[in-house]
Amino acid sequence: MKILIINGPNLNLLGKRDPEQYGNLTLKEINAQISEKFPMHEFTFIQSNHEGEIIDAIQDAESNGFSGIVINPGGYSHSSVAIRDALEIVKIPKIEVHLSNLTKREDYRQKNITATATNGYLSGFGEKGYFAAIYLLEEITLR
């Protein structure tokens, strides 16, 4: 299976950000663990601080042969109608992941715009959320 992993703004700073919320691993370390745990899949990892680049990657996912998307839109999950609309248009399975538990965070993080256009979302499991999302993509695409 070919899976696109998209990480949004500030996730390039993992390992430097608040470890209570985001853990101690860098994004590079998380990506390495994903590849190691799921060697049977082909992954493309994208991290961007720019909304348009994330939208382009989502829009191109189907034509680039991806079977599913795992996305951590970071702060855009609470504000980007444009990313939400791109996710809605793409018909392959999509799962949103958040490292921190959004239900225990600030009020402005309680509204999750982008997750409404995905098959579901995982929040609060750290890097293990990515692993669970890949497992769930496997299950969804096998149906």
C-alpha atoms as a PDB file:
ATOM      1  CA  MET A   1       0.000   0.000   0.000  1.00  0.00           C
ATOM      2  CA  LYS A   2       1.209   3.495  -0.829  1.00  0.00           C
ATOM      3  CA  ILE A   3       0.468   5.957   2.004  1.00  0.00           C
ATOM      4  CA  LEU A   4       0.936   9.716   2.144  1.00  0.00           C
ATOM      5  CA  ILE A   5       1.857  11.082   5.581  1.00  0.00           C
ATOM      6  CA  ILE A   6       1.289  14.850   5.836  1.00  0.00           C
ATOM      7  CA  ASN A   7       2.460  16.923   8.794  1.00  0.00           C
ATOM      8  CA  GLY A   8       1.531  20.569   9.096  1.00  0.00           C
ATOM      9  CA  PRO A   9       3.027  23.684  10.613  1.00  0.00           C
ATOM     10  CA  ASN A  10       5.527  23.582  13.455  1.00  0.00           C
ATOM     11  CA  LEU A  11       5.729  19.787  13.455  1.00  0.00           C
ATOM     12  CA  ASN A  12       9.241  20.181  12.051  1.00  0.00           C
ATOM     13  CA  LEU A  13      10.075  21.444  15.563  1.00  0.00           C
ATOM     14  CA  LEU A  14       9.108  18.243  17.363  1.00  0.00           C
ATOM     15  CA  GLY A  15      11.751  17.365  19.906  1.00  0.00           C
ATOM     16  CA  LYS A  16      12.059  21.058  20.778  1.00  0.00           C
ATOM     17  CA  ARG A  17       8.391  21.748  21.509  1.00  0.00           C
ATOM     18  CA  ASP A  18       6.642  21.151  24.830  1.00  0.00           C
ATOM     19  CA  PRO A  19       7.426  17.479  25.582  1.00  0.00           C
ATOM     20  CA  GLU A  20       4.381  17.239  27.899  1.00  0.00           C
ATOM     21  CA  GLN A  21       2.149  17.756  24.862  1.00  0.00           C
ATOM     22  CA  TYR A  22       4.216  16.460  21.965  1.00  0.00           C
ATOM     23  CA  GLY A  23       6.709  13.966  23.391  1.00  0.00           C
ATOM     24  CA  ASN A  24      10.469  13.924  22.917  1.00  0.00           C
ATOM     25  CA  LEU A  25      10.771  12.422  19.447  1.00  0.00           C
ATOM     26  CA  THR A  26      11.617  14.472  16.391  1.00  0.00           C
ATOM     27  CA  LEU A  27       9.496  14.199  13.253  1.00  0.00           C
ATOM     28  CA  LYS A  28      12.395  12.427  11.555  1.00  0.00           C
ATOM     29  CA  GLU A  29      12.420   9.821  14.355  1.00  0.00           C
ATOM     30  CA  ILE A  30       8.657   9.325  14.112  1.00  0.00           C
ATOM     31  CA  ASN A  31       8.900   8.872  10.343  1.00  0.00           C
ATOM     32  CA  ALA A  32      11.708   6.316  10.812  1.00  0.00           C
ATOM     33  CA  GLN A  33       9.601   4.369  13.315  1.00  0.00           C
ATOM     34  CA  ILE A  34       6.668   4.335  10.886  1.00  0.00           C
ATOM     35  CA  SER A  35       8.857   2.958   8.095  1.00  0.00           C
ATOM     36  CA  GLU A  36      10.381   0.375  10.440  1.00  0.00           C
ATOM     37  CA  LYS A  37       7.016  -0.827  11.820  1.00  0.00           C
ATOM     38  CA  PHE A  38       5.359  -1.064   8.409  1.00  0.00           C
ATOM     39  CA  PRO A  39       8.032  -2.202   5.924  1.00  0.00           C
ATOM     40  CA  MET A  40       5.361  -3.682   3.655  1.00  0.00           C
ATOM     41  CA  HIS A  41       4.077  -0.209   2.761  1.00  0.00           C
ATOM     42  CA  GLU A  42       5.537   2.611   0.713  1.00  0.00           C
ATOM     43  CA  PHE A  43       5.468   5.976   2.484  1.00  0.00           C
ATOM     44  CA  THR A  44       5.904   9.518   1.312  1.00  0.00           C
ATOM     45  CA  PHE A  45       6.435  11.970   4.162  1.00  0.00           C
ATOM     46  CA  ILE A  46       5.603  15.637   3.723  1.00  0.00           C
ATOM     47  CA  GLN A  47       5.949  18.395   6.302  1.00  0.00           C
ATOM     48  CA  SER A  48       5.015  21.930   5.425  1.00  0.00           C
ATOM     49  CA  ASN A  49       4.391  25.163   7.262  1.00  0.00           C
ATOM     50  CA  HIS A  50       2.492  26.405   4.194  1.00  0.00           C
ATOM     51  CA  GLU A  51      -1.206  25.762   3.746  1.00  0.00           C
ATOM     52  CA  GLY A  52      -1.067  25.751  -0.072  1.00  0.00           C
ATOM     53  CA  GLU A  53       1.616  23.048  -0.153  1.00  0.00           C
ATOM     54  CA  ILE A  54      -0.510  20.833   2.091  1.00  0.00           C
ATOM     55  CA  ILE A  55      -3.547  21.409  -0.127  1.00  0.00           C
ATOM     56  CA  ASP A  56      -1.542  20.575  -3.271  1.00  0.00           C
ATOM     57  CA  ALA A  57      -0.313  17.321  -1.703  1.00  0.00           C
ATOM     58  CA  ILE A  58      -3.861  16.311  -0.754  1.00  0.00           C
ATOM     59  CA  GLN A  59      -5.262  17.192  -4.173  1.00  0.00           C
ATOM     60  CA  ASP A  60      -2.531  15.224  -5.972  1.00  0.00           C
ATOM     61  CA  ALA A  61      -2.689  12.140  -3.707  1.00  0.00           C
ATOM     62  CA  GLU A  62      -5.091  10.063  -5.811  1.00  0.00           C
ATOM     63  CA  SER A  63      -3.411  10.818  -9.136  1.00  0.00           C
ATOM     64  CA  ASN A  64      -0.046   9.953  -7.538  1.00  0.00           C
ATOM     65  CA  GLY A  65      -1.342   6.486  -6.677  1.00  0.00           C
ATOM     66  CA  PHE A  66      -1.750   6.809  -2.911  1.00  0.00           C
ATOM     67  CA  SER A  67      -4.169   4.383  -1.223  1.00  0.00           C
ATOM     68  CA  GLY A  68      -4.647   6.574   1.846  1.00  0.00           C
ATOM     69  CA  ILE A  69      -3.609   9.692   3.731  1.00  0.00           C
ATOM     70  CA  VAL A  70      -2.559  10.145   7.343  1.00  0.00           C
ATOM     71  CA  ILE A  71      -2.582  13.833   8.174  1.00  0.00           C
ATOM     72  CA  ASN A  72      -1.572  15.837  11.208  1.00  0.00           C
ATOM     73  CA  PRO A  73      -2.578  19.325  10.135  1.00  0.00           C
ATOM     74  CA  GLY A  74      -1.279  20.854  13.363  1.00  0.00           C
ATOM     75  CA  GLY A  75      -2.838  24.233  14.074  1.00  0.00           C
ATOM     76  CA  TYR A  76      -4.534  24.242  10.666  1.00  0.00           C
ATOM     77  CA  SER A  77      -6.969  21.644  11.990  1.00  0.00           C
ATOM     78  CA  HIS A  78      -8.705  24.446  13.897  1.00  0.00           C
ATOM     79  CA  SER A  79      -8.665  27.087  11.192  1.00  0.00           C
ATOM     80  CA  SER A  80      -8.290  25.812   7.624  1.00  0.00           C
ATOM     81  CA  VAL A  81     -11.498  25.444   5.689  1.00  0.00           C
ATOM     82  CA  ALA A  82      -9.329  25.144   2.559  1.00  0.00           C
ATOM     83  CA  ILE A  83      -7.511  22.021   3.834  1.00  0.00           C
ATOM     84  CA  ARG A  84     -10.847  20.616   4.997  1.00  0.00           C
ATOM     85  CA  ASP A  85     -12.334  21.145   1.524  1.00  0.00           C
ATOM     86  CA  ALA A  86      -9.355  19.458  -0.155  1.00  0.00           C
ATOM     87  CA  LEU A  87      -9.731  16.465   2.174  1.00  0.00           C
ATOM     88  CA  GLU A  88     -13.437  16.271   1.385  1.00  0.00           C
ATOM     89  CA  ILE A  89     -12.833  16.196  -2.365  1.00  0.00           C
ATOM     90  CA  VAL A  90     -10.250  13.390  -2.285  1.00  0.00           C
ATOM     91  CA  LYS A  91     -12.003  10.017  -2.184  1.00  0.00           C
ATOM     92  CA  ILE A  92      -9.242   7.801  -0.762  1.00  0.00           C
ATOM     93  CA  PRO A  93      -9.363   7.012   2.985  1.00  0.00           C
ATOM     94  CA  LYS A  94      -8.008   9.751   5.247  1.00  0.00           C
ATOM     95  CA  ILE A  95      -7.233   9.647   8.962  1.00  0.00           C
ATOM     96  CA  GLU A  96      -6.269  12.646  11.061  1.00  0.00           C
ATOM     97  CA  VAL A  97      -3.750  12.306  13.876  1.00  0.00           C
ATOM     98  CA  HIS A  98      -2.840  14.614  16.747  1.00  0.00           C
ATOM     99  CA  LEU A  99       0.008  13.863  19.120  1.00  0.00           C
ATOM    100  CA  SER A 100      -1.580  15.684  22.055  1.00  0.00           C
ATOM    101  CA  ASN A 101      -4.996  15.060  23.549  1.00  0.00           C
ATOM    102  CA  LEU A 102      -6.988  17.953  22.115  1.00  0.00           C
ATOM    103  CA  THR A 103      -9.819  17.487  24.618  1.00  0.00           C
ATOM    104  CA  LYS A 104      -7.411  18.489  27.398  1.00  0.00           C
ATOM    105  CA  ARG A 105      -6.126  21.570  25.586  1.00  0.00           C
ATOM    106  CA  GLU A 106      -7.188  25.184  25.148  1.00  0.00           C
ATOM    107  CA  ASP A 107     -10.748  26.093  24.149  1.00  0.00           C
ATOM    108  CA  TYR A 108      -9.726  27.194  20.647  1.00  0.00           C
ATOM    109  CA  ARG A 109      -8.389  23.680  19.984  1.00  0.00           C
ATOM    110  CA  GLN A 110     -11.763  22.079  20.677  1.00  0.00           C
ATOM    111  CA  LYS A 111     -13.142  22.805  17.198  1.00  0.00           C
ATOM    112  CA  ASN A 112     -11.533  20.527  14.668  1.00  0.00           C
ATOM    113  CA  ILE A 113     -12.518  21.677  11.174  1.00  0.00           C
ATOM    114  CA  THR A 114     -10.366  19.312   9.115  1.00  0.00           C
ATOM    115  CA  ALA A 115     -11.331  16.087  10.905  1.00  0.00           C
ATOM    116  CA  THR A 116     -14.902  16.457   9.644  1.00  0.00           C
ATOM    117  CA  ALA A 117     -13.651  15.562   6.163  1.00  0.00           C
ATOM    118  CA  THR A 118     -11.745  12.429   7.219  1.00  0.00           C
ATOM    119  CA  ASN A 119     -12.790   8.884   8.046  1.00  0.00           C
ATOM    120  CA  GLY A 120     -11.883   9.614  11.667  1.00  0.00           C
ATOM    121  CA  TYR A 121      -9.212  11.014  13.919  1.00  0.00           C
ATOM    122  CA  LEU A 122      -6.911   9.965  16.737  1.00  0.00           C
ATOM    123  CA  SER A 123      -5.796  12.332  19.457  1.00  0.00           C
ATOM    124  CA  GLY A 124      -3.575  11.977  22.491  1.00  0.00           C
ATOM    125  CA  PHE A 125      -1.575   8.842  21.713  1.00  0.00           C
ATOM    126  CA  GLY A 126       1.662  10.525  20.675  1.00  0.00           C
ATOM    127  CA  GLU A 127       3.519   8.842  17.825  1.00  0.00           C
ATOM    128  CA  LYS A 128       1.433   5.702  18.357  1.00  0.00           C
ATOM    129  CA  GLY A 129      -1.472   7.582  16.791  1.00  0.00           C
ATOM    130  CA  TYR A 130       0.323   7.370  13.440  1.00  0.00           C
ATOM    131  CA  PHE A 131       0.746   3.600  13.871  1.00  0.00           C
ATOM    132  CA  ALA A 132      -2.937   3.185  14.708  1.00  0.00           C
ATOM    133  CA  ALA A 133      -3.926   5.310  11.710  1.00  0.00           C
ATOM    134  CA  ILE A 134      -1.883   3.110   9.366  1.00  0.00           C
ATOM    135  CA  TYR A 135      -3.449  -0.016  10.851  1.00  0.00           C
ATOM    136  CA  LEU A 136      -6.887   1.521  10.355  1.00  0.00           C
ATOM    137  CA  LEU A 137      -6.074   2.446   6.741  1.00  0.00           C
ATOM    138  CA  GLU A 138      -5.140  -1.188   6.170  1.00  0.00           C
ATOM    139  CA  GLU A 139      -8.502  -2.281   7.560  1.00  0.00           C
ATOM    140  CA  ILE A 140     -10.489   0.317   5.590  1.00  0.00           C
ATOM    141  CA  THR A 141      -8.860  -0.461   2.247  1.00  0.00           C
ATOM    142  CA  LEU A 142      -9.265  -4.232   2.674  1.00  0.00           C
ATOM    143  CA  ARG A 143     -13.055  -3.971   2.944  1.00  0.00           C
END
